[in-house]
Amino acid sequence: MSTVTATILGGVSVFVLGQIVLKFFLDPIYEQRKVLGQVANGLIYHAQWHANPGKDDLNGQRSAAADDLRRISCDLLAVSHAVPVYRFWAIIRVIPPWKNVRNAHGQLIFLSNSMFQGDPLRNAQAVDSIKSLLRMRF
C-alpha cells in the first residue's frame, strides 16, 4: 500500500469516526441542552400564570401556557432518552442525572396542572426544584 493510499484511508477513517461521535453522542447532548434552554424560557415566560394560579383565562393564554409547559416537559424526557450512555455523561457532569430529569419532568407536569388552581407558594417551590434539579441559574 502506498503512502498516498494510507493517507487517504486514514483521513477517511478519521472523518467517519468523527461523524459517528458527532451524530451518536454530541448531537443528542446538544438537543438536550436546547430543551433545557426551553425549560428555562418556559419557566420565565409563563411565570405570570404559574405564580398566580386562577380561573381566568384571558384569550386562552393560561391554557396555552399550561400546554407549553407540558410539551416542554415531554420534550425534555424524549431528548434525554435519546442520549446514549447517559450515565457516563451524567457522571462527568455534562448533563443532569437521569433521576433529576425525571423529577424535573414531574415538577413541570405539576406546574402545568396547577395553572388554574393551586397554591402559588407550592408552584414557586416547584420552579425552584426544577432549577436545582437541572442546575439552572436565573
Protein backbone atom coordinates (compact mmCIF):
# COMPACT_ATOMS: atom_id res chain seq x y z
CA MET A 1 0.00 0.00 0.00
CA SER A 2 1.39 3.36 -0.96
CA THR A 3 1.74 6.33 1.34
CA VAL A 4 -0.93 8.23 -0.59
CA THR A 5 -3.44 5.41 -0.20
CA ALA A 6 -2.67 5.04 3.50
CA THR A 7 -3.07 8.79 3.99
CA ILE A 8 -6.41 8.83 2.18
CA LEU A 9 -7.70 5.80 4.11
CA GLY A 10 -6.53 7.34 7.39
CA GLY A 11 -8.26 10.63 6.58
CA VAL A 12 -11.49 8.92 5.61
CA SER A 13 -11.39 6.78 8.77
CA VAL A 14 -10.88 9.82 10.99
CA PHE A 15 -13.72 11.63 9.22
CA VAL A 16 -16.09 8.67 9.57
CA LEU A 17 -15.24 8.20 13.25
CA GLY A 18 -15.71 11.92 13.83
CA GLN A 19 -19.13 11.81 12.22
CA ILE A 20 -20.13 8.79 14.32
CA VAL A 21 -19.12 10.58 17.52
CA LEU A 22 -20.89 13.74 16.39
CA LYS A 23 -24.16 12.11 15.32
CA PHE A 24 -24.49 9.47 18.02
CA PHE A 25 -23.09 11.28 21.05
CA LEU A 26 -22.76 15.04 20.67
CA ASP A 27 -25.94 15.81 18.71
CA PRO A 28 -28.27 14.18 21.30
CA ILE A 29 -26.49 16.04 24.11
CA TYR A 30 -26.82 19.29 22.16
CA GLU A 31 -30.53 18.63 21.63
CA GLN A 32 -30.99 18.08 25.35
CA ARG A 33 -29.17 21.34 26.10
CA LYS A 34 -31.53 23.15 23.71
CA VAL A 35 -34.55 21.72 25.53
CA LEU A 36 -33.03 22.72 28.87
CA GLY A 37 -32.96 26.25 27.45
CA GLN A 38 -36.63 25.89 26.52
CA VAL A 39 -37.39 24.80 30.10
CA ALA A 40 -35.72 27.94 31.45
CA ASN A 41 -37.51 30.08 28.87
CA GLY A 42 -40.88 28.49 29.67
CA LEU A 43 -40.46 28.98 33.41
CA ILE A 44 -39.62 32.64 32.97
CA TYR A 45 -42.05 33.40 30.14
CA HIS A 46 -45.05 31.76 31.82
CA ALA A 47 -44.25 32.94 35.36
CA GLN A 48 -47.24 35.28 35.38
CA TRP A 49 -49.52 32.25 35.06
CA HIS A 50 -47.91 29.66 37.33
CA ALA A 51 -47.10 32.26 40.01
CA ASN A 52 -50.74 33.39 40.08
CA PRO A 53 -52.99 30.36 39.53
CA GLY A 54 -56.60 31.20 38.86
CA LYS A 55 -59.68 30.52 36.79
CA ASP A 56 -59.34 33.50 34.43
CA ASP A 57 -58.07 32.52 31.01
CA LEU A 58 -57.64 35.73 29.04
CA ASN A 59 -57.83 34.76 25.36
CA GLY A 60 -56.72 31.22 26.24
CA GLN A 61 -53.29 32.41 27.37
CA ARG A 62 -53.33 30.43 30.62
CA SER A 63 -54.31 27.26 28.73
CA ALA A 64 -51.58 27.90 26.17
CA ALA A 65 -49.01 28.37 28.96
CA ALA A 66 -50.10 25.12 30.62
CA ASP A 67 -49.88 23.27 27.29
CA ASP A 68 -46.46 24.76 26.56
CA LEU A 69 -45.02 23.65 29.91
CA ARG A 70 -46.44 20.16 29.38
CA ARG A 71 -44.94 19.98 25.87
CA ILE A 72 -41.54 21.16 27.13
CA SER A 73 -41.68 18.57 29.90
CA CYS A 74 -42.33 15.79 27.41
CA ASP A 75 -39.62 17.11 25.08
CA LEU A 76 -37.13 17.02 27.96
CA LEU A 77 -37.91 13.38 28.65
CA ALA A 78 -37.84 12.45 24.95
CA VAL A 79 -34.48 14.02 24.14
CA SER A 80 -32.97 12.63 27.32
CA HIS A 81 -33.95 9.12 26.24
CA ALA A 82 -32.01 9.68 23.01
CA VAL A 83 -28.66 10.30 24.75
CA PRO A 84 -26.51 7.16 24.53
CA VAL A 85 -24.51 6.07 27.59
CA TYR A 86 -26.48 8.59 29.63
CA ARG A 87 -24.96 7.58 32.95
CA PHE A 88 -21.42 8.27 31.71
CA TRP A 89 -22.28 11.81 30.57
CA ALA A 90 -24.11 12.46 33.84
CA ILE A 91 -21.18 11.21 35.94
CA ILE A 92 -18.82 13.65 34.25
CA ARG A 93 -21.50 16.35 34.73
CA VAL A 94 -22.05 17.10 31.05
CA ILE A 95 -25.78 16.53 31.52
CA PRO A 96 -28.05 16.31 34.57
CA PRO A 97 -28.50 12.90 36.21
CA TRP A 98 -31.40 10.82 34.89
CA LYS A 99 -33.18 10.92 38.24
CA ASN A 100 -33.08 14.72 38.16
CA VAL A 101 -34.53 14.79 34.63
CA ARG A 102 -37.40 12.51 35.70
CA ASN A 103 -38.10 14.63 38.78
CA ALA A 104 -37.95 17.87 36.80
CA HIS A 105 -40.34 16.33 34.26
CA GLY A 106 -42.78 15.59 37.09
CA GLN A 107 -42.46 19.10 38.50
CA LEU A 108 -43.12 20.62 35.07
CA ILE A 109 -46.24 18.48 34.70
CA PHE A 110 -47.29 19.58 38.19
CA LEU A 111 -46.89 23.25 37.17
CA SER A 112 -48.86 22.63 34.00
CA ASN A 113 -51.67 21.11 36.06
CA SER A 114 -51.52 23.92 38.64
CA MET A 115 -52.17 26.86 36.33
CA PHE A 116 -55.89 27.08 37.04
CA GLN A 117 -55.93 26.05 40.67
CA GLY A 118 -53.20 25.59 43.16
CA ASP A 119 -51.03 27.28 45.69
CA PRO A 120 -48.65 29.99 44.42
CA LEU A 121 -46.14 29.04 47.12
CA ARG A 122 -46.16 25.37 46.05
CA ASN A 123 -45.74 26.45 42.42
CA ALA A 124 -42.76 28.62 43.39
CA GLN A 125 -41.25 25.63 45.20
CA ALA A 126 -41.74 23.54 42.05
CA VAL A 127 -39.91 26.16 39.98
CA ASP A 128 -37.05 26.25 42.49
CA SER A 129 -36.93 22.46 42.45
CA ILE A 130 -36.73 22.37 38.64
CA LYS A 131 -33.96 24.95 38.63
CA SER A 132 -32.00 22.98 41.21
CA LEU A 133 -32.54 19.59 39.56
CA LEU A 134 -31.44 20.84 36.13
CA ARG A 135 -28.64 23.07 37.51
CA MET A 136 -30.16 26.28 36.15
CA ARG A 137 -29.22 29.72 37.37
CA PHE A 138 -31.62 32.52 36.64
